[in-house]
């Protein structure tokens, strides 16, 4: 049976989330991308709380350029906010998206900003 795009992503997401788990010391860097925006957040799964978040909709600097450039700005912002809170290492959750394009750009920029994963 052929899966549509949403069901396929949900299946991949379940498979990823079986293995990827965030704590307060080692939070999960979760990425969500819509058609126009991209968001990232650091999540402590033990308490179910978001530690820090960043998104292309919130920042004026992320509104300029193409969507891949927006993703890299969001990656730098999430790395900077994580450093301010004292987090240097995270586990990356691509949230069912392919590690390609905007997701890869965000991850590379977060690494350049000082996050390790």
PDB file of N, CA and C in Angstrom:
ATOM      1  N   UNK A   1       0.838  -1.186   0.000  1.00  0.00           N
ATOM      2  CA  UNK A   1       0.000   0.000   0.000  1.00  0.00           C
ATOM      3  C   UNK A   1       0.881   1.246   0.000  1.00  0.00           C
ATOM      4  N   UNK A   2       0.586   2.174  -0.865  1.00  0.00           N
ATOM      5  CA  UNK A   2       1.347   3.409  -0.943  1.00  0.00           C
ATOM      6  C   UNK A   2       0.903   4.357   0.164  1.00  0.00           C
ATOM      7  N   UNK A   3       1.866   4.937   0.863  1.00  0.00           N
ATOM      8  CA  UNK A   3       1.562   5.898   1.921  1.00  0.00           C
ATOM      9  C   UNK A   3       1.603   7.304   1.350  1.00  0.00           C
ATOM     10  N   UNK A   4       0.727   8.135   1.853  1.00  0.00           N
ATOM     11  CA  UNK A   4       0.839   9.522   1.425  1.00  0.00           C
ATOM     12  C   UNK A   4       1.973  10.188   2.209  1.00  0.00           C
ATOM     13  N   UNK A   5       2.263  11.434   1.870  1.00  0.00           N
ATOM     14  CA  UNK A   5       3.415  12.133   2.417  1.00  0.00           C
ATOM     15  C   UNK A   5       3.351  12.255   3.940  1.00  0.00           C
ATOM     16  N   UNK A   6       2.186  12.554   4.477  1.00  0.00           N
ATOM     17  CA  UNK A   6       2.028  12.766   5.920  1.00  0.00           C
ATOM     18  C   UNK A   6       2.211  11.460   6.685  1.00  0.00           C
ATOM     19  N   UNK A   7       1.613  10.385   6.204  1.00  0.00           N
ATOM     20  CA  UNK A   7       1.745   9.093   6.879  1.00  0.00           C
ATOM     21  C   UNK A   7       3.168   8.559   6.801  1.00  0.00           C
ATOM     22  N   UNK A   8       3.831   8.775   5.678  1.00  0.00           N
ATOM     23  CA  UNK A   8       5.211   8.342   5.522  1.00  0.00           C
ATOM     24  C   UNK A   8       6.107   9.046   6.529  1.00  0.00           C
ATOM     25  N   UNK A   9       5.932  10.371   6.677  1.00  0.00           N
ATOM     26  CA  UNK A   9       6.737  11.133   7.629  1.00  0.00           C
ATOM     27  C   UNK A   9       6.445  10.700   9.054  1.00  0.00           C
ATOM     28  N   UNK A  10       5.178  10.426   9.375  1.00  0.00           N
ATOM     29  CA  UNK A  10       4.816   9.979  10.724  1.00  0.00           C
ATOM     30  C   UNK A  10       5.471   8.647  11.053  1.00  0.00           C
ATOM     31  N   UNK A  11       5.545   7.767  10.069  1.00  0.00           N
ATOM     32  CA  UNK A  11       6.176   6.460  10.279  1.00  0.00           C
ATOM     33  C   UNK A  11       7.677   6.623  10.545  1.00  0.00           C
ATOM     34  N   UNK A  12       8.321   7.468   9.760  1.00  0.00           N
ATOM     35  CA  UNK A  12       9.751   7.737   9.950  1.00  0.00           C
ATOM     36  C   UNK A  12       9.983   8.396  11.300  1.00  0.00           C
ATOM     37  N   UNK A  13       9.100   9.332  11.671  1.00  0.00           N
ATOM     38  CA  UNK A  13       9.221  10.051  12.942  1.00  0.00           C
ATOM     39  C   UNK A  13       9.145   9.094  14.133  1.00  0.00           C
ATOM     40  N   UNK A  14       8.206   8.145  14.083  1.00  0.00           N
ATOM     41  CA  UNK A  14       8.099   7.147  15.160  1.00  0.00           C
ATOM     42  C   UNK A  14       9.378   6.329  15.278  1.00  0.00           C
ATOM     43  N   UNK A  15       9.922   5.949  14.148  1.00  0.00           N
ATOM     44  CA  UNK A  15      11.148   5.146  14.138  1.00  0.00           C
ATOM     45  C   UNK A  15      12.324   5.920  14.739  1.00  0.00           C
ATOM     46  N   UNK A  16      12.413   7.215  14.427  1.00  0.00           N
ATOM     47  CA  UNK A  16      13.487   8.046  14.962  1.00  0.00           C
ATOM     48  C   UNK A  16      13.309   8.250  16.464  1.00  0.00           C
ATOM     49  N   UNK A  17      12.075   8.539  16.889  1.00  0.00           N
ATOM     50  CA  UNK A  17      11.822   8.870  18.295  1.00  0.00           C
ATOM     51  C   UNK A  17      11.975   7.682  19.230  1.00  0.00           C
ATOM     52  N   UNK A  18      12.005   6.460  18.691  1.00  0.00           N
ATOM     53  CA  UNK A  18      12.296   5.300  19.532  1.00  0.00           C
ATOM     54  C   UNK A  18      13.709   5.386  20.089  1.00  0.00           C
ATOM     55  N   UNK A  19      14.602   5.975  19.293  1.00  0.00           N
ATOM     56  CA  UNK A  19      16.016   6.008  19.648  1.00  0.00           C
ATOM     57  C   UNK A  19      16.466   7.339  20.235  1.00  0.00           C
ATOM     58  N   UNK A  20      15.869   8.433  19.804  1.00  0.00           N
ATOM     59  CA  UNK A  20      16.316   9.771  20.197  1.00  0.00           C
ATOM     60  C   UNK A  20      15.503  10.248  21.385  1.00  0.00           C
ATOM     61  N   UNK A  21      16.210  10.570  22.486  1.00  0.00           N
ATOM     62  CA  UNK A  21      15.546  10.999  23.712  1.00  0.00           C
ATOM     63  C   UNK A  21      16.382  12.100  24.327  1.00  0.00           C
ATOM     64  N   UNK A  22      15.736  13.170  24.795  1.00  0.00           N
ATOM     65  CA  UNK A  22      16.446  14.303  25.359  1.00  0.00           C
ATOM     66  C   UNK A  22      16.270  14.402  26.858  1.00  0.00           C
ATOM     67  N   UNK A  23      17.321  14.855  27.530  1.00  0.00           N
ATOM     68  CA  UNK A  23      17.272  15.103  28.972  1.00  0.00           C
ATOM     69  C   UNK A  23      17.638  16.560  29.209  1.00  0.00           C
ATOM     70  N   UNK A  24      17.660  16.971  30.491  1.00  0.00           N
ATOM     71  CA  UNK A  24      18.024  18.351  30.791  1.00  0.00           C
ATOM     72  C   UNK A  24      19.490  18.611  30.459  1.00  0.00           C
ATOM     73  N   UNK A  25      20.337  17.610  30.649  1.00  0.00           N
ATOM     74  CA  UNK A  25      21.760  17.752  30.363  1.00  0.00           C
ATOM     75  C   UNK A  25      22.038  17.610  28.870  1.00  0.00           C
ATOM     76  N   UNK A  26      21.332  16.695  28.219  1.00  0.00           N
ATOM     77  CA  UNK A  26      21.508  16.418  26.798  1.00  0.00           C
ATOM     78  C   UNK A  26      20.151  16.526  26.099  1.00  0.00           C
ATOM     79  N   UNK A  27      19.702  17.764  25.803  1.00  0.00           N
ATOM     80  CA  UNK A  27      18.363  17.933  25.230  1.00  0.00           C
ATOM     81  C   UNK A  27      18.293  17.507  23.764  1.00  0.00           C
ATOM     82  N   UNK A  28      17.073  17.349  23.303  1.00  0.00           N
ATOM     83  CA  UNK A  28      16.803  16.968  21.920  1.00  0.00           C
ATOM     84  C   UNK A  28      16.571  18.234  21.104  1.00  0.00           C
ATOM     85  N   UNK A  29      17.321  18.376  20.022  1.00  0.00           N
ATOM     86  CA  UNK A  29      17.150  19.498  19.096  1.00  0.00           C
ATOM     87  C   UNK A  29      16.164  19.060  18.027  1.00  0.00           C
ATOM     88  N   UNK A  30      14.929  19.508  18.144  1.00  0.00           N
ATOM     89  CA  UNK A  30      13.862  19.112  17.240  1.00  0.00           C
ATOM     90  C   UNK A  30      13.646  20.194  16.194  1.00  0.00           C
ATOM     91  N   UNK A  31      13.508  19.766  14.940  1.00  0.00           N
ATOM     92  CA  UNK A  31      13.330  20.684  13.814  1.00  0.00           C
ATOM     93  C   UNK A  31      11.933  20.495  13.249  1.00  0.00           C
ATOM     94  N   UNK A  32      11.245  21.600  12.987  1.00  0.00           N
ATOM     95  CA  UNK A  32       9.972  21.548  12.277  1.00  0.00           C
ATOM     96  C   UNK A  32      10.049  22.526  11.122  1.00  0.00           C
ATOM     97  N   UNK A  33       9.668  22.061   9.948  1.00  0.00           N
ATOM     98  CA  UNK A  33       9.648  22.971   8.810  1.00  0.00           C
ATOM     99  C   UNK A  33       8.264  22.952   8.177  1.00  0.00           C
ATOM    100  N   UNK A  34       7.762  24.146   7.926  1.00  0.00           N
ATOM    101  CA  UNK A  34       6.521  24.273   7.176  1.00  0.00           C
ATOM    102  C   UNK A  34       6.907  24.683   5.762  1.00  0.00           C
ATOM    103  N   UNK A  35       5.935  25.009   4.940  1.00  0.00           N
ATOM    104  CA  UNK A  35       6.260  25.413   3.577  1.00  0.00           C
ATOM    105  C   UNK A  35       7.020  26.728   3.522  1.00  0.00           C
ATOM    106  N   UNK A  36       6.758  27.616   4.483  1.00  0.00           N
ATOM    107  CA  UNK A  36       7.366  28.937   4.434  1.00  0.00           C
ATOM    108  C   UNK A  36       8.363  29.198   5.555  1.00  0.00           C
ATOM    109  N   UNK A  37       8.247  28.539   6.692  1.00  0.00           N
ATOM    110  CA  UNK A  37       9.071  28.835   7.865  1.00  0.00           C
ATOM    111  C   UNK A  37       9.801  27.584   8.339  1.00  0.00           C
ATOM    112  N   UNK A  38      10.747  27.782   9.263  1.00  0.00           N
ATOM    113  CA  UNK A  38      11.430  26.664   9.912  1.00  0.00           C
ATOM    114  C   UNK A  38      11.635  27.028  11.374  1.00  0.00           C
ATOM    115  N   UNK A  39      11.476  26.052  12.245  1.00  0.00           N
ATOM    116  CA  UNK A  39      11.567  26.256  13.684  1.00  0.00           C
ATOM    117  C   UNK A  39      12.467  25.188  14.287  1.00  0.00           C
ATOM    118  N   UNK A  40      13.127  25.528  15.392  1.00  0.00           N
ATOM    119  CA  UNK A  40      13.946  24.559  16.117  1.00  0.00           C
ATOM    120  C   UNK A  40      13.729  24.798  17.608  1.00  0.00           C
ATOM    121  N   UNK A  41      13.751  23.715  18.367  1.00  0.00           N
ATOM    122  CA  UNK A  41      13.629  23.859  19.818  1.00  0.00           C
ATOM    123  C   UNK A  41      14.424  22.777  20.515  1.00  0.00           C
ATOM    124  N   UNK A  42      14.938  23.130  21.692  1.00  0.00           N
ATOM    125  CA  UNK A  42      15.636  22.177  22.543  1.00  0.00           C
ATOM    126  C   UNK A  42      14.646  21.687  23.577  1.00  0.00           C
ATOM    127  N   UNK A  43      14.471  20.372  23.669  1.00  0.00           N
ATOM    128  CA  UNK A  43      13.412  19.793  24.492  1.00  0.00           C
ATOM    129  C   UNK A  43      14.015  18.844  25.513  1.00  0.00           C
ATOM    130  N   UNK A  44      13.550  18.974  26.769  1.00  0.00           N
ATOM    131  CA  UNK A  44      13.859  18.017  27.831  1.00  0.00           C
ATOM    132  C   UNK A  44      12.683  17.050  27.894  1.00  0.00           C
ATOM    133  N   UNK A  45      12.874  15.826  27.408  1.00  0.00           N
ATOM    134  CA  UNK A  45      11.779  14.860  27.345  1.00  0.00           C
ATOM    135  C   UNK A  45      11.408  14.293  28.711  1.00  0.00           C
ATOM    136  N   UNK A  46      12.319  14.352  29.671  1.00  0.00           N
ATOM    137  CA  UNK A  46      11.997  13.843  31.008  1.00  0.00           C
ATOM    138  C   UNK A  46      10.904  14.675  31.666  1.00  0.00           C
ATOM    139  N   UNK A  47      11.040  16.003  31.574  1.00  0.00           N
ATOM    140  CA  UNK A  47      10.028  16.873  32.166  1.00  0.00           C
ATOM    141  C   UNK A  47       8.982  17.325  31.147  1.00  0.00           C
ATOM    142  N   UNK A  48       9.225  17.068  29.872  1.00  0.00           N
ATOM    143  CA  UNK A  48       8.279  17.474  28.835  1.00  0.00           C
ATOM    144  C   UNK A  48       8.262  18.968  28.593  1.00  0.00           C
ATOM    145  N   UNK A  49       9.405  19.635  28.779  1.00  0.00           N
ATOM    146  CA  UNK A  49       9.463  21.090  28.647  1.00  0.00           C
ATOM    147  C   UNK A  49      10.421  21.491  27.531  1.00  0.00           C
ATOM    148  N   UNK A  50      10.096  22.609  26.902  1.00  0.00           N
ATOM    149  CA  UNK A  50      10.987  23.209  25.921  1.00  0.00           C
ATOM    150  C   UNK A  50      11.947  24.132  26.644  1.00  0.00           C
ATOM    151  N   UNK A  51      13.243  23.955  26.428  1.00  0.00           N
ATOM    152  CA  UNK A  51      14.252  24.767  27.102  1.00  0.00           C
ATOM    153  C   UNK A  51      14.424  26.095  26.374  1.00  0.00           C
ATOM    154  N   UNK A  52      14.753  26.039  25.085  1.00  0.00           N
ATOM    155  CA  UNK A  52      14.839  27.244  24.252  1.00  0.00           C
ATOM    156  C   UNK A  52      14.265  26.926  22.876  1.00  0.00           C
ATOM    157  N   UNK A  53      13.848  27.969  22.189  1.00  0.00           N
ATOM    158  CA  UNK A  53      13.324  27.776  20.840  1.00  0.00           C
ATOM    159  C   UNK A  53      13.745  28.943  19.954  1.00  0.00           C
ATOM    160  N   UNK A  54      13.742  28.699  18.659  1.00  0.00           N
ATOM    161  CA  UNK A  54      14.041  29.735  17.671  1.00  0.00           C
ATOM    162  C   UNK A  54      13.252  29.407  16.412  1.00  0.00           C
ATOM    163  N   UNK A  55      12.909  30.453  15.679  1.00  0.00           N
ATOM    164  CA  UNK A  55      12.150  30.239  14.451  1.00  0.00           C
ATOM    165  C   UNK A  55      12.366  31.367  13.473  1.00  0.00           C
ATOM    166  N   UNK A  56      12.145  31.080  12.223  1.00  0.00           N
ATOM    167  CA  UNK A  56      12.341  32.093  11.191  1.00  0.00           C
ATOM    168  C   UNK A  56      11.242  33.143  11.224  1.00  0.00           C
ATOM    169  N   UNK A  57      10.118  32.836  11.824  1.00  0.00           N
ATOM    170  CA  UNK A  57       9.026  33.804  11.894  1.00  0.00           C
ATOM    171  C   UNK A  57       9.298  34.866  12.960  1.00  0.00           C
ATOM    172  N   UNK A  58      10.045  34.498  14.007  1.00  0.00           N
ATOM    173  CA  UNK A  58      10.279  35.401  15.137  1.00  0.00           C
ATOM    174  C   UNK A  58      11.320  36.471  14.840  1.00  0.00           C
ATOM    175  N   UNK A  59      12.306  36.150  14.021  1.00  0.00           N
ATOM    176  CA  UNK A  59      13.425  37.057  13.788  1.00  0.00           C
ATOM    177  C   UNK A  59      13.318  37.751  12.445  1.00  0.00           C
ATOM    178  N   UNK A  60      13.537  39.043  12.440  1.00  0.00           N
ATOM    179  CA  UNK A  60      13.529  39.800  11.184  1.00  0.00           C
ATOM    180  C   UNK A  60      14.711  39.413  10.303  1.00  0.00           C
ATOM    181  N   UNK A  61      15.868  39.112  10.928  1.00  0.00           N
ATOM    182  CA  UNK A  61      17.048  38.756  10.141  1.00  0.00           C
ATOM    183  C   UNK A  61      16.855  37.440   9.400  1.00  0.00           C
ATOM    184  N   UNK A  62      15.963  36.570   9.907  1.00  0.00           N
ATOM    185  CA  UNK A  62      15.716  35.290   9.253  1.00  0.00           C
ATOM    186  C   UNK A  62      14.720  35.415   8.114  1.00  0.00           C
ATOM    187  N   UNK A  63      14.116  36.565   7.925  1.00  0.00           N
ATOM    188  CA  UNK A  63      13.125  36.741   6.869  1.00  0.00           C
ATOM    189  C   UNK A  63      13.770  37.067   5.522  1.00  0.00           C
ATOM    190  N   UNK A  64      15.067  37.397   5.542  1.00  0.00           N
ATOM    191  CA  UNK A  64      15.730  37.775   4.300  1.00  0.00           C
ATOM    192  C   UNK A  64      16.387  36.572   3.654  1.00  0.00           C
ATOM    193  N   UNK A  65      16.453  36.581   2.349  1.00  0.00           N
ATOM    194  CA  UNK A  65      17.108  35.506   1.619  1.00  0.00           C
ATOM    195  C   UNK A  65      16.174  34.348   1.353  1.00  0.00           C
ATOM    196  N   UNK A  66      16.745  33.296   0.799  1.00  0.00           N
ATOM    197  CA  UNK A  66      15.937  32.122   0.496  1.00  0.00           C
ATOM    198  C   UNK A  66      15.745  31.261   1.751  1.00  0.00           C
ATOM    199  N   UNK A  67      15.023  30.172   1.617  1.00  0.00           N
ATOM    200  CA  UNK A  67      14.656  29.370   2.787  1.00  0.00           C
ATOM    201  C   UNK A  67      15.850  28.638   3.384  1.00  0.00           C
ATOM    202  N   UNK A  68      16.832  28.307   2.585  1.00  0.00           N
ATOM    203  CA  UNK A  68      18.031  27.659   3.122  1.00  0.00           C
ATOM    204  C   UNK A  68      18.828  28.646   3.969  1.00  0.00           C
ATOM    205  N   UNK A  69      18.898  29.901   3.529  1.00  0.00           N
ATOM    206  CA  UNK A  69      19.558  30.933   4.337  1.00  0.00           C
ATOM    207  C   UNK A  69      18.786  31.192   5.622  1.00  0.00           C
ATOM    208  N   UNK A  70      17.459  31.172   5.556  1.00  0.00           N
ATOM    209  CA  UNK A  70      16.642  31.329   6.762  1.00  0.00           C
ATOM    210  C   UNK A  70      16.948  30.219   7.751  1.00  0.00           C
ATOM    211  N   UNK A  71      17.086  29.000   7.263  1.00  0.00           N
ATOM    212  CA  UNK A  71      17.366  27.861   8.139  1.00  0.00           C
ATOM    213  C   UNK A  71      18.719  28.016   8.817  1.00  0.00           C
ATOM    214  N   UNK A  72      19.714  28.526   8.109  1.00  0.00           N
ATOM    215  CA  UNK A  72      21.028  28.701   8.729  1.00  0.00           C
ATOM    216  C   UNK A  72      20.991  29.795   9.795  1.00  0.00           C
ATOM    217  N   UNK A  73      20.202  30.844   9.580  1.00  0.00           N
ATOM    218  CA  UNK A  73      20.053  31.886  10.600  1.00  0.00           C
ATOM    219  C   UNK A  73      19.398  31.307  11.852  1.00  0.00           C
ATOM    220  N   UNK A  74      18.381  30.463  11.671  1.00  0.00           N
ATOM    221  CA  UNK A  74      17.702  29.825  12.804  1.00  0.00           C
ATOM    222  C   UNK A  74      18.669  28.891  13.537  1.00  0.00           C
ATOM    223  N   UNK A  75      19.516  28.176  12.797  1.00  0.00           N
ATOM    224  CA  UNK A  75      20.510  27.303  13.415  1.00  0.00           C
ATOM    225  C   UNK A  75      21.491  28.079  14.274  1.00  0.00           C
ATOM    226  N   UNK A  76      21.936  29.219  13.783  1.00  0.00           N
ATOM    227  CA  UNK A  76      22.849  30.064  14.570  1.00  0.00           C
ATOM    228  C   UNK A  76      22.153  30.616  15.800  1.00  0.00           C
ATOM    229  N   UNK A  77      20.876  30.995  15.650  1.00  0.00           N
ATOM    230  CA  UNK A  77      20.125  31.540  16.796  1.00  0.00           C
ATOM    231  C   UNK A  77      19.934  30.490  17.875  1.00  0.00           C
ATOM    232  N   UNK A  78      19.594  29.255  17.493  1.00  0.00           N
ATOM    233  CA  UNK A  78      19.356  28.208  18.492  1.00  0.00           C
ATOM    234  C   UNK A  78      20.661  27.865  19.196  1.00  0.00           C
ATOM    235  N   UNK A  79      21.786  27.900  18.475  1.00  0.00           N
ATOM    236  CA  UNK A  79      23.084  27.627  19.100  1.00  0.00           C
ATOM    237  C   UNK A  79      23.452  28.718  20.097  1.00  0.00           C
ATOM    238  N   UNK A  80      23.172  29.957  19.724  1.00  0.00           N
ATOM    239  CA  UNK A  80      23.478  31.085  20.614  1.00  0.00           C
ATOM    240  C   UNK A  80      22.615  31.038  21.878  1.00  0.00           C
ATOM    241  N   UNK A  81      21.330  30.754  21.714  1.00  0.00           N
ATOM    242  CA  UNK A  81      20.442  30.667  22.871  1.00  0.00           C
ATOM    243  C   UNK A  81      20.817  29.492  23.774  1.00  0.00           C
ATOM    244  N   UNK A  82      21.244  28.382  23.170  1.00  0.00           N
ATOM    245  CA  UNK A  82      21.659  27.215  23.954  1.00  0.00           C
ATOM    246  C   UNK A  82      22.913  27.535  24.765  1.00  0.00           C
ATOM    247  N   UNK A  83      23.843  28.273  24.150  1.00  0.00           N
ATOM    248  CA  UNK A  83      25.057  28.656  24.876  1.00  0.00           C
ATOM    249  C   UNK A  83      24.728  29.539  26.068  1.00  0.00           C
ATOM    250  N   UNK A  84      23.761  30.451  25.892  1.00  0.00           N
ATOM    251  CA  UNK A  84      23.364  31.344  26.983  1.00  0.00           C
ATOM    252  C   UNK A  84      22.785  30.576  28.151  1.00  0.00           C
ATOM    253  N   UNK A  85      22.130  29.443  27.884  1.00  0.00           N
ATOM    254  CA  UNK A  85      21.539  28.619  28.931  1.00  0.00           C
ATOM    255  C   UNK A  85      22.569  27.648  29.503  1.00  0.00           C
ATOM    256  N   UNK A  86      23.680  27.450  28.786  1.00  0.00           N
ATOM    257  CA  UNK A  86      24.731  26.564  29.260  1.00  0.00           C
ATOM    258  C   UNK A  86      24.700  25.179  28.644  1.00  0.00           C
ATOM    259  N   UNK A  87      24.102  25.043  27.469  1.00  0.00           N
ATOM    260  CA  UNK A  87      24.015  23.751  26.789  1.00  0.00           C
ATOM    261  C   UNK A  87      24.988  23.760  25.622  1.00  0.00           C
ATOM    262  N   UNK A  88      25.835  22.716  25.556  1.00  0.00           N
ATOM    263  CA  UNK A  88      26.786  22.624  24.448  1.00  0.00           C
ATOM    264  C   UNK A  88      26.574  21.372  23.602  1.00  0.00           C
ATOM    265  N   UNK A  89      25.955  20.338  24.167  1.00  0.00           N
ATOM    266  CA  UNK A  89      25.769  19.075  23.458  1.00  0.00           C
ATOM    267  C   UNK A  89      24.290  18.745  23.395  1.00  0.00           C
ATOM    268  N   UNK A  90      23.817  18.317  22.222  1.00  0.00           N
ATOM    269  CA  UNK A  90      22.414  17.954  22.027  1.00  0.00           C
ATOM    270  C   UNK A  90      22.334  16.674  21.203  1.00  0.00           C
ATOM    271  N   UNK A  91      21.142  16.087  21.149  1.00  0.00           N
ATOM    272  CA  UNK A  91      20.869  15.010  20.198  1.00  0.00           C
ATOM    273  C   UNK A  91      19.939  15.590  19.131  1.00  0.00           C
ATOM    274  N   UNK A  92      20.211  15.274  17.878  1.00  0.00           N
ATOM    275  CA  UNK A  92      19.492  15.894  16.766  1.00  0.00           C
ATOM    276  C   UNK A  92      18.293  15.042  16.370  1.00  0.00           C
ATOM    277  N   UNK A  93      17.137  15.674  16.306  1.00  0.00           N
ATOM    278  CA  UNK A  93      15.902  15.020  15.880  1.00  0.00           C
ATOM    279  C   UNK A  93      15.423  15.716  14.617  1.00  0.00           C
ATOM    280  N   UNK A  94      15.592  15.056  13.474  1.00  0.00           N
ATOM    281  CA  UNK A  94      15.193  15.667  12.209  1.00  0.00           C
ATOM    282  C   UNK A  94      13.701  15.578  11.985  1.00  0.00           C
ATOM    283  N   UNK A  95      12.982  14.907  12.882  1.00  0.00           N
ATOM    284  CA  UNK A  95      11.521  14.931  12.927  1.00  0.00           C
ATOM    285  C   UNK A  95      10.871  14.321  11.684  1.00  0.00           C
ATOM    286  N   UNK A  96      11.509  13.314  11.100  1.00  0.00           N
ATOM    287  CA  UNK A  96      10.925  12.648   9.945  1.00  0.00           C
ATOM    288  C   UNK A  96      11.281  13.268   8.616  1.00  0.00           C
ATOM    289  N   UNK A  97      11.976  14.401   8.634  1.00  0.00           N
ATOM    290  CA  UNK A  97      12.384  15.041   7.388  1.00  0.00           C
ATOM    291  C   UNK A  97      13.713  14.447   6.948  1.00  0.00           C
ATOM    292  N   UNK A  98      13.971  14.478   5.648  1.00  0.00           N
ATOM    293  CA  UNK A  98      15.255  14.036   5.141  1.00  0.00           C
ATOM    294  C   UNK A  98      16.343  15.007   5.582  1.00  0.00           C
ATOM    295  N   UNK A  99      17.524  14.486   5.852  1.00  0.00           N
ATOM    296  CA  UNK A  99      18.657  15.346   6.227  1.00  0.00           C
ATOM    297  C   UNK A  99      19.213  15.940   4.937  1.00  0.00           C
ATOM    298  N   UNK A 100      18.548  17.016   4.490  1.00  0.00           N
ATOM    299  CA  UNK A 100      18.804  17.552   3.174  1.00  0.00           C
ATOM    300  C   UNK A 100      18.233  18.959   3.146  1.00  0.00           C
ATOM    301  N   UNK A 101      18.844  19.842   2.409  1.00  0.00           N
ATOM    302  CA  UNK A 101      18.279  21.171   2.217  1.00  0.00           C
ATOM    303  C   UNK A 101      18.217  21.992   3.484  1.00  0.00           C
ATOM    304  N   UNK A 102      17.007  22.404   3.869  1.00  0.00           N
ATOM    305  CA  UNK A 102      16.832  23.294   5.019  1.00  0.00           C
ATOM    306  C   UNK A 102      17.224  22.645   6.330  1.00  0.00           C
ATOM    307  N   UNK A 103      16.913  21.354   6.489  1.00  0.00           N
ATOM    308  CA  UNK A 103      17.242  20.659   7.739  1.00  0.00           C
ATOM    309  C   UNK A 103      18.759  20.563   7.886  1.00  0.00           C
ATOM    310  N   UNK A 104      19.438  20.236   6.809  1.00  0.00           N
ATOM    311  CA  UNK A 104      20.896  20.145   6.855  1.00  0.00           C
ATOM    312  C   UNK A 104      21.518  21.510   7.095  1.00  0.00           C
ATOM    313  N   UNK A 105      20.986  22.545   6.477  1.00  0.00           N
ATOM    314  CA  UNK A 105      21.495  23.899   6.653  1.00  0.00           C
ATOM    315  C   UNK A 105      21.370  24.341   8.109  1.00  0.00           C
ATOM    316  N   UNK A 106      20.233  24.048   8.729  1.00  0.00           N
ATOM    317  CA  UNK A 106      20.030  24.389  10.138  1.00  0.00           C
ATOM    318  C   UNK A 106      21.025  23.629  11.012  1.00  0.00           C
ATOM    319  N   UNK A 107      21.217  22.338  10.751  1.00  0.00           N
ATOM    320  CA  UNK A 107      22.131  21.529  11.551  1.00  0.00           C
ATOM    321  C   UNK A 107      23.571  22.018  11.410  1.00  0.00           C
ATOM    322  N   UNK A 108      23.997  22.326  10.193  1.00  0.00           N
ATOM    323  CA  UNK A 108      25.356  22.795   9.972  1.00  0.00           C
ATOM    324  C   UNK A 108      25.601  24.137  10.670  1.00  0.00           C
ATOM    325  N   UNK A 109      24.619  25.035  10.609  1.00  0.00           N
ATOM    326  CA  UNK A 109      24.757  26.333  11.260  1.00  0.00           C
ATOM    327  C   UNK A 109      24.783  26.181  12.780  1.00  0.00           C
ATOM    328  N   UNK A 110      24.012  25.245  13.317  1.00  0.00           N
ATOM    329  CA  UNK A 110      24.023  25.004  14.760  1.00  0.00           C
ATOM    330  C   UNK A 110      25.387  24.464  15.193  1.00  0.00           C
ATOM    331  N   UNK A 111      25.964  23.605  14.368  1.00  0.00           N
ATOM    332  CA  UNK A 111      27.320  23.100  14.667  1.00  0.00           C
ATOM    333  C   UNK A 111      28.340  24.229  14.622  1.00  0.00           C
ATOM    334  N   UNK A 112      28.231  25.100  13.623  1.00  0.00           N
ATOM    335  CA  UNK A 112      29.146  26.235  13.529  1.00  0.00           C
ATOM    336  C   UNK A 112      28.986  27.163  14.725  1.00  0.00           C
ATOM    337  N   UNK A 113      27.759  27.257  15.244  1.00  0.00           N
ATOM    338  CA  UNK A 113      27.493  28.109  16.402  1.00  0.00           C
ATOM    339  C   UNK A 113      27.994  27.520  17.711  1.00  0.00           C
ATOM    340  N   UNK A 114      28.454  26.273  17.691  1.00  0.00           N
ATOM    341  CA  UNK A 114      29.047  25.698  18.904  1.00  0.00           C
ATOM    342  C   UNK A 114      28.329  24.499  19.482  1.00  0.00           C
ATOM    343  N   UNK A 115      27.196  24.091  18.915  1.00  0.00           N
ATOM    344  CA  UNK A 115      26.510  22.904  19.433  1.00  0.00           C
ATOM    345  C   UNK A 115      27.192  21.645  18.900  1.00  0.00           C
ATOM    346  N   UNK A 116      27.264  20.629  19.737  1.00  0.00           N
ATOM    347  CA  UNK A 116      27.872  19.367  19.327  1.00  0.00           C
ATOM    348  C   UNK A 116      26.775  18.312  19.255  1.00  0.00           C
ATOM    349  N   UNK A 117      26.718  17.615  18.144  1.00  0.00           N
ATOM    350  CA  UNK A 117      25.822  16.459  17.982  1.00  0.00           C
ATOM    351  C   UNK A 117      26.277  15.626  16.826  1.00  0.00           C
TER     352      UNK A 117
END
